[in-house]
Amino acid sequence: TLFRSNCSCTETCVKMSGGSAALELKEDDAKLMLAAKVHIGSTNANYQMEQYVFQRNAEGNHIIRLNKTWEKLLLAARAICAIENPLDVVIIGCQPTCQRGALKFAHYTGTTSVTG
């Protein structure tokens, strides 16, 4: 499926969730991510993005693996939480589709936003 891990390694994989069930991607979370269309990528993907791409849709857009997105989201959350002063965190949203989210994030977390 789109949000299950498809790791082919023989060793135990290290995940950002640290094996904690509370931090694992839940079906409800995946449904919310699908509704927000976070899995829809662009038509271009370089070699560094190949590990995150599930497949292409009929329009040629890359479909991004939700489990990979979730792991990167946890990584970002841990990095942000490690910073003592919230004003040292800056969220940047230059595209019109990102600006509202950047402003909301800054408002609720006490961080600084740069939009426009």
PDB file of N, CA and C in Angstrom:
ATOM      1  N   THR A   1       0.835  -1.193   0.000  1.00  0.00           N
ATOM      2  CA  THR A   1       0.000   0.000   0.000  1.00  0.00           C
ATOM      3  C   THR A   1       0.867   1.238   0.000  1.00  0.00           C
ATOM      4  N   LEU A   2       0.213   2.349  -0.052  1.00  0.00           N
ATOM      5  CA  LEU A   2       0.916   3.626  -0.161  1.00  0.00           C
ATOM      6  C   LEU A   2       1.617   4.027   1.120  1.00  0.00           C
ATOM      7  N   PHE A   3       1.165   3.571   2.275  1.00  0.00           N
ATOM      8  CA  PHE A   3       1.773   4.028   3.515  1.00  0.00           C
ATOM      9  C   PHE A   3       2.436   2.933   4.331  1.00  0.00           C
ATOM     10  N   ARG A   4       2.518   1.748   3.833  1.00  0.00           N
ATOM     11  CA  ARG A   4       3.229   0.692   4.559  1.00  0.00           C
ATOM     12  C   ARG A   4       4.687   0.662   4.128  1.00  0.00           C
ATOM     13  N   SER A   5       5.520   0.268   5.046  1.00  0.00           N
ATOM     14  CA  SER A   5       6.941   0.189   4.752  1.00  0.00           C
ATOM     15  C   SER A   5       7.201  -0.956   3.787  1.00  0.00           C
ATOM     16  N   ASN A   6       8.066  -0.710   2.826  1.00  0.00           N
ATOM     17  CA  ASN A   6       8.416  -1.768   1.889  1.00  0.00           C
ATOM     18  C   ASN A   6       9.922  -1.986   1.883  1.00  0.00           C
ATOM     19  N   CYS A   7      10.518  -1.879   3.047  1.00  0.00           N
ATOM     20  CA  CYS A   7      11.949  -2.037   3.177  1.00  0.00           C
ATOM     21  C   CYS A   7      12.342  -3.464   2.809  1.00  0.00           C
ATOM     22  N   SER A   8      13.376  -3.575   2.008  1.00  0.00           N
ATOM     23  CA  SER A   8      13.804  -4.898   1.571  1.00  0.00           C
ATOM     24  C   SER A   8      15.077  -5.357   2.277  1.00  0.00           C
ATOM     25  N   CYS A   9      15.542  -4.584   3.263  1.00  0.00           N
ATOM     26  CA  CYS A   9      16.771  -4.986   3.939  1.00  0.00           C
ATOM     27  C   CYS A   9      16.495  -6.162   4.875  1.00  0.00           C
ATOM     28  N   THR A  10      17.531  -6.916   5.161  1.00  0.00           N
ATOM     29  CA  THR A  10      17.369  -8.093   6.013  1.00  0.00           C
ATOM     30  C   THR A  10      17.551  -7.739   7.479  1.00  0.00           C
ATOM     31  N   GLU A  11      18.145  -6.570   7.762  1.00  0.00           N
ATOM     32  CA  GLU A  11      18.347  -6.140   9.135  1.00  0.00           C
ATOM     33  C   GLU A  11      17.107  -5.404   9.628  1.00  0.00           C
ATOM     34  N   THR A  12      17.030  -5.219  10.926  1.00  0.00           N
ATOM     35  CA  THR A  12      15.948  -4.435  11.497  1.00  0.00           C
ATOM     36  C   THR A  12      16.173  -2.975  11.134  1.00  0.00           C
ATOM     37  N   CYS A  13      15.159  -2.357  10.553  1.00  0.00           N
ATOM     38  CA  CYS A  13      15.276  -0.966  10.137  1.00  0.00           C
ATOM     39  C   CYS A  13      15.095  -0.034  11.325  1.00  0.00           C
ATOM     40  N   VAL A  14      15.882   1.038  11.334  1.00  0.00           N
ATOM     41  CA  VAL A  14      15.745   2.049  12.369  1.00  0.00           C
ATOM     42  C   VAL A  14      14.788   3.107  11.849  1.00  0.00           C
ATOM     43  N   LYS A  15      13.754   3.387  12.621  1.00  0.00           N
ATOM     44  CA  LYS A  15      12.767   4.367  12.221  1.00  0.00           C
ATOM     45  C   LYS A  15      12.790   5.530  13.200  1.00  0.00           C
ATOM     46  N   MET A  16      12.325   6.690  12.744  1.00  0.00           N
ATOM     47  CA  MET A  16      12.257   7.852  13.612  1.00  0.00           C
ATOM     48  C   MET A  16      11.293   7.623  14.769  1.00  0.00           C
ATOM     49  N   SER A  17      10.332   6.729  14.591  1.00  0.00           N
ATOM     50  CA  SER A  17       9.385   6.454  15.671  1.00  0.00           C
ATOM     51  C   SER A  17      10.051   5.691  16.809  1.00  0.00           C
ATOM     52  N   GLY A  18      11.231   5.176  16.568  1.00  0.00           N
ATOM     53  CA  GLY A  18      11.955   4.453  17.602  1.00  0.00           C
ATOM     54  C   GLY A  18      11.251   3.189  18.050  1.00  0.00           C
ATOM     55  N   GLY A  19      10.346   2.690  17.219  1.00  0.00           N
ATOM     56  CA  GLY A  19       9.611   1.490  17.566  1.00  0.00           C
ATOM     57  C   GLY A  19       8.429   1.741  18.489  1.00  0.00           C
ATOM     58  N   SER A  20       8.201   2.994  18.842  1.00  0.00           N
ATOM     59  CA  SER A  20       7.086   3.341  19.724  1.00  0.00           C
ATOM     60  C   SER A  20       5.780   3.303  18.945  1.00  0.00           C
ATOM     61  N   ALA A  21       4.818   2.577  19.449  1.00  0.00           N
ATOM     62  CA  ALA A  21       3.524   2.472  18.771  1.00  0.00           C
ATOM     63  C   ALA A  21       2.811   3.815  18.698  1.00  0.00           C
ATOM     64  N   ALA A  22       3.072   4.687  19.669  1.00  0.00           N
ATOM     65  CA  ALA A  22       2.420   6.000  19.686  1.00  0.00           C
ATOM     66  C   ALA A  22       2.877   6.884  18.526  1.00  0.00           C
ATOM     67  N   LEU A  23       4.076   6.632  18.009  1.00  0.00           N
ATOM     68  CA  LEU A  23       4.616   7.465  16.936  1.00  0.00           C
ATOM     69  C   LEU A  23       4.501   6.828  15.554  1.00  0.00           C
ATOM     70  N   GLU A  24       3.970   5.627  15.483  1.00  0.00           N
ATOM     71  CA  GLU A  24       3.813   4.960  14.189  1.00  0.00           C
ATOM     72  C   GLU A  24       2.714   5.636  13.371  1.00  0.00           C
ATOM     73  N   LEU A  25       2.829   5.543  12.064  1.00  0.00           N
ATOM     74  CA  LEU A  25       1.801   6.083  11.172  1.00  0.00           C
ATOM     75  C   LEU A  25       0.532   5.256  11.316  1.00  0.00           C
ATOM     76  N   LYS A  26      -0.516   5.889  11.742  1.00  0.00           N
ATOM     77  CA  LYS A  26      -1.813   5.228  11.911  1.00  0.00           C
ATOM     78  C   LYS A  26      -2.656   5.412  10.659  1.00  0.00           C
ATOM     79  N   GLU A  27      -3.619   4.562  10.478  1.00  0.00           N
ATOM     80  CA  GLU A  27      -4.486   4.638   9.309  1.00  0.00           C
ATOM     81  C   GLU A  27      -5.234   5.969   9.255  1.00  0.00           C
ATOM     82  N   ASP A  28      -5.689   6.462  10.402  1.00  0.00           N
ATOM     83  CA  ASP A  28      -6.383   7.751  10.439  1.00  0.00           C
ATOM     84  C   ASP A  28      -5.465   8.888   9.995  1.00  0.00           C
ATOM     85  N   ASP A  29      -4.189   8.838  10.429  1.00  0.00           N
ATOM     86  CA  ASP A  29      -3.224   9.852  10.019  1.00  0.00           C
ATOM     87  C   ASP A  29      -2.994   9.791   8.511  1.00  0.00           C
ATOM     88  N   ALA A  30      -2.891   8.584   7.989  1.00  0.00           N
ATOM     89  CA  ALA A  30      -2.680   8.410   6.550  1.00  0.00           C
ATOM     90  C   ALA A  30      -3.873   8.942   5.761  1.00  0.00           C
ATOM     91  N   LYS A  31      -5.084   8.719   6.270  1.00  0.00           N
ATOM     92  CA  LYS A  31      -6.274   9.232   5.596  1.00  0.00           C
ATOM     93  C   LYS A  31      -6.278  10.755   5.571  1.00  0.00           C
ATOM     94  N   LEU A  32      -5.865  11.369   6.685  1.00  0.00           N
ATOM     95  CA  LEU A  32      -5.779  12.830   6.725  1.00  0.00           C
ATOM     96  C   LEU A  32      -4.727  13.352   5.745  1.00  0.00           C
ATOM     97  N   MET A  33      -3.608  12.653   5.659  1.00  0.00           N
ATOM     98  CA  MET A  33      -2.558  13.056   4.719  1.00  0.00           C
ATOM     99  C   MET A  33      -3.034  12.914   3.279  1.00  0.00           C
ATOM    100  N   LEU A  34      -3.772  11.847   2.994  1.00  0.00           N
ATOM    101  CA  LEU A  34      -4.321  11.662   1.649  1.00  0.00           C
ATOM    102  C   LEU A  34      -5.340  12.760   1.318  1.00  0.00           C
ATOM    103  N   ALA A  35      -6.188  13.112   2.292  1.00  0.00           N
ATOM    104  CA  ALA A  35      -7.184  14.162   2.072  1.00  0.00           C
ATOM    105  C   ALA A  35      -6.522  15.509   1.814  1.00  0.00           C
ATOM    106  N   ALA A  36      -5.370  15.747   2.452  1.00  0.00           N
ATOM    107  CA  ALA A  36      -4.637  16.993   2.252  1.00  0.00           C
ATOM    108  C   ALA A  36      -3.756  16.954   1.006  1.00  0.00           C
ATOM    109  N   LYS A  37      -3.728  15.804   0.342  1.00  0.00           N
ATOM    110  CA  LYS A  37      -2.955  15.602  -0.893  1.00  0.00           C
ATOM    111  C   LYS A  37      -1.452  15.819  -0.709  1.00  0.00           C
ATOM    112  N   VAL A  38      -0.940  15.460   0.469  1.00  0.00           N
ATOM    113  CA  VAL A  38       0.496  15.592   0.691  1.00  0.00           C
ATOM    114  C   VAL A  38       1.282  14.548  -0.096  1.00  0.00           C
ATOM    115  N   HIS A  39       0.606  13.564  -0.624  1.00  0.00           N
ATOM    116  CA  HIS A  39       1.272  12.494  -1.367  1.00  0.00           C
ATOM    117  C   HIS A  39       1.460  12.832  -2.847  1.00  0.00           C
ATOM    118  N   ILE A  40       0.871  13.929  -3.306  1.00  0.00           N
ATOM    119  CA  ILE A  40       0.987  14.313  -4.718  1.00  0.00           C
ATOM    120  C   ILE A  40       2.242  15.147  -4.912  1.00  0.00           C
ATOM    121  N   GLY A  41       3.149  14.643  -5.708  1.00  0.00           N
ATOM    122  CA  GLY A  41       4.381  15.359  -6.000  1.00  0.00           C
ATOM    123  C   GLY A  41       4.320  16.023  -7.351  1.00  0.00           C
ATOM    124  N   SER A  42       5.456  16.486  -7.799  1.00  0.00           N
ATOM    125  CA  SER A  42       5.535  17.140  -9.103  1.00  0.00           C
ATOM    126  C   SER A  42       5.816  16.103 -10.191  1.00  0.00           C
ATOM    127  N   THR A  43       5.944  16.571 -11.405  1.00  0.00           N
ATOM    128  CA  THR A  43       6.264  15.663 -12.508  1.00  0.00           C
ATOM    129  C   THR A  43       7.759  15.418 -12.595  1.00  0.00           C
ATOM    130  N   ASN A  44       8.542  16.216 -11.888  1.00  0.00           N
ATOM    131  CA  ASN A  44       9.998  16.056 -11.887  1.00  0.00           C
ATOM    132  C   ASN A  44      10.447  15.434 -10.576  1.00  0.00           C
ATOM    133  N   ALA A  45      11.406  14.537 -10.651  1.00  0.00           N
ATOM    134  CA  ALA A  45      12.019  13.975  -9.445  1.00  0.00           C
ATOM    135  C   ALA A  45      13.457  13.596  -9.786  1.00  0.00           C
ATOM    136  N   ASN A  46      14.390  14.130  -8.996  1.00  0.00           N
ATOM    137  CA  ASN A  46      15.783  13.778  -9.253  1.00  0.00           C
ATOM    138  C   ASN A  46      16.134  12.476  -8.535  1.00  0.00           C
ATOM    139  N   TYR A  47      17.344  12.045  -8.703  1.00  0.00           N
ATOM    140  CA  TYR A  47      17.748  10.743  -8.163  1.00  0.00           C
ATOM    141  C   TYR A  47      17.648  10.685  -6.640  1.00  0.00           C
ATOM    142  N   GLN A  48      17.773  11.827  -5.953  1.00  0.00           N
ATOM    143  CA  GLN A  48      17.687  11.831  -4.502  1.00  0.00           C
ATOM    144  C   GLN A  48      16.258  11.607  -4.015  1.00  0.00           C
ATOM    145  N   MET A  49      15.287  11.879  -4.852  1.00  0.00           N
ATOM    146  CA  MET A  49      13.884  11.707  -4.479  1.00  0.00           C
ATOM    147  C   MET A  49      13.342  10.320  -4.815  1.00  0.00           C
ATOM    148  N   GLU A  50      14.086   9.537  -5.582  1.00  0.00           N
ATOM    149  CA  GLU A  50      13.592   8.232  -6.033  1.00  0.00           C
ATOM    150  C   GLU A  50      13.167   7.314  -4.880  1.00  0.00           C
ATOM    151  N   GLN A  51      13.873   7.401  -3.757  1.00  0.00           N
ATOM    152  CA  GLN A  51      13.538   6.537  -2.614  1.00  0.00           C
ATOM    153  C   GLN A  51      12.192   6.894  -1.994  1.00  0.00           C
ATOM    154  N   TYR A  52      11.689   8.087  -2.259  1.00  0.00           N
ATOM    155  CA  TYR A  52      10.420   8.536  -1.689  1.00  0.00           C
ATOM    156  C   TYR A  52       9.246   8.333  -2.643  1.00  0.00           C
ATOM    157  N   VAL A  53       9.524   8.059  -3.903  1.00  0.00           N
ATOM    158  CA  VAL A  53       8.473   7.954  -4.914  1.00  0.00           C
ATOM    159  C   VAL A  53       7.893   6.542  -4.931  1.00  0.00           C
ATOM    160  N   PHE A  54       6.576   6.471  -4.875  1.00  0.00           N
ATOM    161  CA  PHE A  54       5.859   5.209  -4.942  1.00  0.00           C
ATOM    162  C   PHE A  54       5.626   4.825  -6.399  1.00  0.00           C
ATOM    163  N   GLN A  55       5.014   5.718  -7.154  1.00  0.00           N
ATOM    164  CA  GLN A  55       4.773   5.530  -8.577  1.00  0.00           C
ATOM    165  C   GLN A  55       4.288   6.851  -9.152  1.00  0.00           C
ATOM    166  N   ARG A  56       3.872   6.848 -10.411  1.00  0.00           N
ATOM    167  CA  ARG A  56       3.297   8.040 -11.043  1.00  0.00           C
ATOM    168  C   ARG A  56       1.809   7.830 -11.242  1.00  0.00           C
ATOM    169  N   ASN A  57       1.066   8.944 -11.199  1.00  0.00           N
ATOM    170  CA  ASN A  57      -0.362   8.843 -11.497  1.00  0.00           C
ATOM    171  C   ASN A  57      -0.590   9.079 -12.992  1.00  0.00           C
ATOM    172  N   ALA A  58      -1.839   9.088 -13.415  1.00  0.00           N
ATOM    173  CA  ALA A  58      -2.169   9.221 -14.837  1.00  0.00           C
ATOM    174  C   ALA A  58      -1.709  10.557 -15.415  1.00  0.00           C
ATOM    175  N   GLU A  59      -1.648  11.597 -14.572  1.00  0.00           N
ATOM    176  CA  GLU A  59      -1.203  12.913 -15.038  1.00  0.00           C
ATOM    177  C   GLU A  59       0.315  13.031 -15.101  1.00  0.00           C
ATOM    178  N   GLY A  60       1.014  12.034 -14.616  1.00  0.00           N
ATOM    179  CA  GLY A  60       2.475  12.049 -14.638  1.00  0.00           C
ATOM    180  C   GLY A  60       3.104  12.573 -13.358  1.00  0.00           C
ATOM    181  N   ASN A  61       2.288  12.918 -12.367  1.00  0.00           N
ATOM    182  CA  ASN A  61       2.827  13.375 -11.085  1.00  0.00           C
ATOM    183  C   ASN A  61       3.343  12.190 -10.287  1.00  0.00           C
ATOM    184  N   HIS A  62       4.405  12.410  -9.559  1.00  0.00           N
ATOM    185  CA  HIS A  62       4.925  11.368  -8.688  1.00  0.00           C
ATOM    186  C   HIS A  62       4.046  11.249  -7.453  1.00  0.00           C
ATOM    187  N   ILE A  63       3.799  10.024  -7.023  1.00  0.00           N
ATOM    188  CA  ILE A  63       3.059   9.746  -5.801  1.00  0.00           C
ATOM    189  C   ILE A  63       4.098   9.431  -4.727  1.00  0.00           C
ATOM    190  N   ILE A  64       4.083  10.209  -3.666  1.00  0.00           N
ATOM    191  CA  ILE A  64       5.085  10.092  -2.615  1.00  0.00           C
ATOM    192  C   ILE A  64       4.605   9.097  -1.549  1.00  0.00           C
ATOM    193  N   ARG A  65       5.515   8.270  -1.068  1.00  0.00           N
ATOM    194  CA  ARG A  65       5.194   7.288  -0.027  1.00  0.00           C
ATOM    195  C   ARG A  65       4.881   8.010   1.283  1.00  0.00           C
ATOM    196  N   LEU A  66       3.734   7.737   1.841  1.00  0.00           N
ATOM    197  CA  LEU A  66       3.322   8.399   3.067  1.00  0.00           C
ATOM    198  C   LEU A  66       4.176   7.994   4.257  1.00  0.00           C
ATOM    199  N   ASN A  67       4.644   6.751   4.291  1.00  0.00           N
ATOM    200  CA  ASN A  67       5.484   6.338   5.413  1.00  0.00           C
ATOM    201  C   ASN A  67       6.796   7.111   5.436  1.00  0.00           C
ATOM    202  N   LYS A  68       7.344   7.428   4.276  1.00  0.00           N
ATOM    203  CA  LYS A  68       8.570   8.222   4.211  1.00  0.00           C
ATOM    204  C   LYS A  68       8.298   9.659   4.642  1.00  0.00           C
ATOM    205  N   THR A  69       7.152  10.199   4.226  1.00  0.00           N
ATOM    206  CA  THR A  69       6.767  11.552   4.625  1.00  0.00           C
ATOM    207  C   THR A  69       6.604  11.610   6.141  1.00  0.00           C
ATOM    208  N   TRP A  70       5.970  10.603   6.712  1.00  0.00           N
ATOM    209  CA  TRP A  70       5.749  10.541   8.160  1.00  0.00           C
ATOM    210  C   TRP A  70       7.077  10.510   8.908  1.00  0.00           C
ATOM    211  N   GLU A  71       8.024   9.700   8.433  1.00  0.00           N
ATOM    212  CA  GLU A  71       9.328   9.606   9.084  1.00  0.00           C
ATOM    213  C   GLU A  71      10.058  10.944   9.045  1.00  0.00           C
ATOM    214  N   LYS A  72      10.000  11.655   7.918  1.00  0.00           N
ATOM    215  CA  LYS A  72      10.647  12.967   7.813  1.00  0.00           C
ATOM    216  C   LYS A  72       9.940  13.996   8.676  1.00  0.00           C
ATOM    217  N   LEU A  73       8.624  13.871   8.817  1.00  0.00           N
ATOM    218  CA  LEU A  73       7.866  14.762   9.690  1.00  0.00           C
ATOM    219  C   LEU A  73       8.293  14.572  11.149  1.00  0.00           C
ATOM    220  N   LEU A  74       8.489  13.327  11.560  1.00  0.00           N
ATOM    221  CA  LEU A  74       8.970  13.051  12.913  1.00  0.00           C
ATOM    222  C   LEU A  74      10.382  13.587  13.122  1.00  0.00           C
ATOM    223  N   LEU A  75      11.228  13.461  12.122  1.00  0.00           N
ATOM    224  CA  LEU A  75      12.587  13.985  12.206  1.00  0.00           C
ATOM    225  C   LEU A  75      12.559  15.501  12.402  1.00  0.00           C
ATOM    226  N   ALA A  76      11.722  16.187  11.618  1.00  0.00           N
ATOM    227  CA  ALA A  76      11.606  17.643  11.742  1.00  0.00           C
ATOM    228  C   ALA A  76      11.062  18.025  13.117  1.00  0.00           C
ATOM    229  N   ALA A  77      10.076  17.301  13.599  1.00  0.00           N
ATOM    230  CA  ALA A  77       9.497  17.594  14.915  1.00  0.00           C
ATOM    231  C   ALA A  77      10.536  17.431  16.014  1.00  0.00           C
ATOM    232  N   ARG A  78      11.339  16.396  15.930  1.00  0.00           N
ATOM    233  CA  ARG A  78      12.380  16.184  16.940  1.00  0.00           C
ATOM    234  C   ARG A  78      13.432  17.281  16.887  1.00  0.00           C
ATOM    235  N   ALA A  79      13.790  17.713  15.685  1.00  0.00           N
ATOM    236  CA  ALA A  79      14.782  18.786  15.545  1.00  0.00           C
ATOM    237  C   ALA A  79      14.242  20.087  16.113  1.00  0.00           C
ATOM    238  N   ILE A  80      12.990  20.394  15.837  1.00  0.00           N
ATOM    239  CA  ILE A  80      12.381  21.635  16.337  1.00  0.00           C
ATOM    240  C   ILE A  80      12.261  21.591  17.853  1.00  0.00           C
ATOM    241  N   CYS A  81      11.858  20.463  18.399  1.00  0.00           N
ATOM    242  CA  CYS A  81      11.699  20.334  19.854  1.00  0.00           C
ATOM    243  C   CYS A  81      13.028  20.436  20.594  1.00  0.00           C
ATOM    244  N   ALA A  82      14.121  20.150  19.922  1.00  0.00           N
ATOM    245  CA  ALA A  82      15.432  20.201  20.559  1.00  0.00           C
ATOM    246  C   ALA A  82      15.939  21.631  20.724  1.00  0.00           C
ATOM    247  N   ILE A  83      15.317  22.582  20.056  1.00  0.00           N
ATOM    248  CA  ILE A  83      15.734  23.983  20.134  1.00  0.00           C
ATOM    249  C   ILE A  83      15.024  24.639  21.313  1.00  0.00           C
ATOM    250  N   GLU A  84      15.806  25.219  22.214  1.00  0.00           N
ATOM    251  CA  GLU A  84      15.244  25.758  23.458  1.00  0.00           C
ATOM    252  C   GLU A  84      14.366  26.984  23.232  1.00  0.00           C
ATOM    253  N   ASN A  85      14.812  27.910  22.408  1.00  0.00           N
ATOM    254  CA  ASN A  85      14.083  29.156  22.193  1.00  0.00           C
ATOM    255  C   ASN A  85      13.271  29.051  20.905  1.00  0.00           C
ATOM    256  N   PRO A  86      11.932  29.067  20.998  1.00  0.00           N
ATOM    257  CA  PRO A  86      11.106  28.958  19.781  1.00  0.00           C
ATOM    258  C   PRO A  86      11.362  30.062  18.763  1.00  0.00           C
ATOM    259  N   LEU A  87      11.837  31.229  19.224  1.00  0.00           N
ATOM    260  CA  LEU A  87      12.103  32.321  18.287  1.00  0.00           C
ATOM    261  C   LEU A  87      13.305  32.037  17.389  1.00  0.00           C
ATOM    262  N   ASP A  88      14.096  31.027  17.741  1.00  0.00           N
ATOM    263  CA  ASP A  88      15.220  30.626  16.896  1.00  0.00           C
ATOM    264  C   ASP A  88      14.782  29.753  15.724  1.00  0.00           C
ATOM    265  N   VAL A  89      13.518  29.331  15.731  1.00  0.00           N
ATOM    266  CA  VAL A  89      12.975  28.499  14.653  1.00  0.00           C
ATOM    267  C   VAL A  89      12.259  29.404  13.667  1.00  0.00           C
ATOM    268  N   VAL A  90      12.585  29.251  12.386  1.00  0.00           N
ATOM    269  CA  VAL A  90      11.948  30.045  11.333  1.00  0.00           C
ATOM    270  C   VAL A  90      11.297  29.096  10.346  1.00  0.00           C
ATOM    271  N   ILE A  91      10.027  29.324  10.072  1.00  0.00           N
ATOM    272  CA  ILE A  91       9.327  28.550   9.050  1.00  0.00           C
ATOM    273  C   ILE A  91       9.157  29.447   7.838  1.00  0.00           C
ATOM    274  N   ILE A  92       9.530  28.925   6.676  1.00  0.00           N
ATOM    275  CA  ILE A  92       9.477  29.704   5.446  1.00  0.00           C
ATOM    276  C   ILE A  92       8.471  29.069   4.504  1.00  0.00           C
ATOM    277  N   GLY A  93       7.527  29.868   4.038  1.00  0.00           N
ATOM    278  CA  GLY A  93       6.536  29.419   3.066  1.00  0.00           C
ATOM    279  C   GLY A  93       6.396  30.450   1.976  1.00  0.00           C
ATOM    280  N   CYS A  94       7.067  30.237   0.873  1.00  0.00           N
ATOM    281  CA  CYS A  94       7.066  31.226  -0.208  1.00  0.00           C
ATOM    282  C   CYS A  94       5.936  31.019  -1.204  1.00  0.00           C
ATOM    283  N   GLN A  95       5.542  29.790  -1.422  1.00  0.00           N
ATOM    284  CA  GLN A  95       4.465  29.534  -2.368  1.00  0.00           C
ATOM    285  C   GLN A  95       3.130  29.853  -1.713  1.00  0.00           C
ATOM    286  N   PRO A  96       2.184  30.352  -2.495  1.00  0.00           N
ATOM    287  CA  PRO A  96       0.874  30.692  -1.930  1.00  0.00           C
ATOM    288  C   PRO A  96       0.213  29.528  -1.200  1.00  0.00           C
ATOM    289  N   THR A  97       0.439  28.316  -1.640  1.00  0.00           N
ATOM    290  CA  THR A  97      -0.174  27.160  -0.983  1.00  0.00           C
ATOM    291  C   THR A  97       0.445  26.873   0.382  1.00  0.00           C
ATOM    292  N   CYS A  98       1.622  27.403   0.658  1.00  0.00           N
ATOM    293  CA  CYS A  98       2.314  27.151   1.926  1.00  0.00           C
ATOM    294  C   CYS A  98       2.131  28.270   2.942  1.00  0.00           C
ATOM    295  N   GLN A  99       1.770  29.446   2.495  1.00  0.00           N
ATOM    296  CA  GLN A  99       1.790  30.616   3.369  1.00  0.00           C
ATOM    297  C   GLN A  99       0.838  30.495   4.556  1.00  0.00           C
ATOM    298  N   ARG A 100      -0.359  30.037   4.329  1.00  0.00           N
ATOM    299  CA  ARG A 100      -1.333  29.915   5.422  1.00  0.00           C
ATOM    300  C   ARG A 100      -0.844  28.926   6.478  1.00  0.00           C
ATOM    301  N   GLY A 101      -0.334  27.792   6.024  1.00  0.00           N
ATOM    302  CA  GLY A 101       0.188  26.799   6.957  1.00  0.00           C
ATOM    303  C   GLY A 101       1.386  27.312   7.738  1.00  0.00           C
ATOM    304  N   ALA A 102       2.257  28.061   7.077  1.00  0.00           N
ATOM    305  CA  ALA A 102       3.430  28.616   7.755  1.00  0.00           C
ATOM    306  C   ALA A 102       3.013  29.615   8.826  1.00  0.00           C
ATOM    307  N   LEU A 103       2.030  30.455   8.517  1.00  0.00           N
ATOM    308  CA  LEU A 103       1.548  31.428   9.495  1.00  0.00           C
ATOM    309  C   LEU A 103       0.878  30.745  10.687  1.00  0.00           C
ATOM    310  N   LYS A 104       0.089  29.710  10.417  1.00  0.00           N
ATOM    311  CA  LYS A 104      -0.569  28.980  11.500  1.00  0.00           C
ATOM    312  C   LYS A 104       0.458  28.271  12.383  1.00  0.00           C
ATOM    313  N   PHE A 105       1.433  27.632  11.751  1.00  0.00           N
ATOM    314  CA  PHE A 105       2.474  26.941  12.509  1.00  0.00           C
ATOM    315  C   PHE A 105       3.189  27.923  13.427  1.00  0.00           C
ATOM    316  N   ALA A 106       3.583  29.082  12.893  1.00  0.00           N
ATOM    317  CA  ALA A 106       4.291  30.084  13.686  1.00  0.00           C
ATOM    318  C   ALA A 106       3.417  30.596  14.831  1.00  0.00           C
ATOM    319  N   HIS A 107       2.153  30.805  14.559  1.00  0.00           N
ATOM    320  CA  HIS A 107       1.237  31.306  15.585  1.00  0.00           C
ATOM    321  C   HIS A 107       1.114  30.320  16.746  1.00  0.00           C
ATOM    322  N   TYR A 108       0.900  29.053  16.444  1.00  0.00           N
ATOM    323  CA  TYR A 108       0.647  28.064  17.492  1.00  0.00           C
ATOM    324  C   TYR A 108       1.895  27.562  18.198  1.00  0.00           C
ATOM    325  N   THR A 109       3.062  27.750  17.590  1.00  0.00           N
ATOM    326  CA  THR A 109       4.292  27.261  18.216  1.00  0.00           C
ATOM    327  C   THR A 109       5.174  28.377  18.761  1.00  0.00           C
ATOM    328  N   GLY A 110       4.820  29.624  18.481  1.00  0.00           N
ATOM    329  CA  GLY A 110       5.625  30.749  18.969  1.00  0.00           C
ATOM    330  C   GLY A 110       6.904  30.946  18.189  1.00  0.00           C
ATOM    331  N   THR A 111       6.944  30.438  16.979  1.00  0.00           N
ATOM    332  CA  THR A 111       8.122  30.580  16.132  1.00  0.00           C
ATOM    333  C   THR A 111       7.951  31.766  15.196  1.00  0.00           C
ATOM    334  N   THR A 112       8.939  31.998  14.352  1.00  0.00           N
ATOM    335  CA  THR A 112       8.933  33.094  13.404  1.00  0.00           C
ATOM    336  C   THR A 112       8.561  32.552  12.035  1.00  0.00           C
ATOM    337  N   SER A 113       7.737  33.295  11.297  1.00  0.00           N
ATOM    338  CA  SER A 113       7.395  32.869   9.934  1.00  0.00           C
ATOM    339  C   SER A 113       7.861  33.904   8.931  1.00  0.00           C
ATOM    340  N   VAL A 114       8.253  33.422   7.768  1.00  0.00           N
ATOM    341  CA  VAL A 114       8.611  34.266   6.635  1.00  0.00           C
ATOM    342  C   VAL A 114       7.778  33.782   5.470  1.00  0.00           C
ATOM    343  N   THR A 115       6.880  34.616   4.992  1.00  0.00           N
ATOM    344  CA  THR A 115       6.019  34.237   3.878  1.00  0.00           C
ATOM    345  C   THR A 115       6.127  35.262   2.770  1.00  0.00           C
ATOM    346  N   GLY A 116       5.736  34.845   1.586  1.00  0.00           N
ATOM    347  CA  GLY A 116       5.706  35.775   0.468  1.00  0.00           C
ATOM    348  C   GLY A 116       6.742  35.547  -0.562  1.00  0.00           C
TER     349      GLY A 116
END
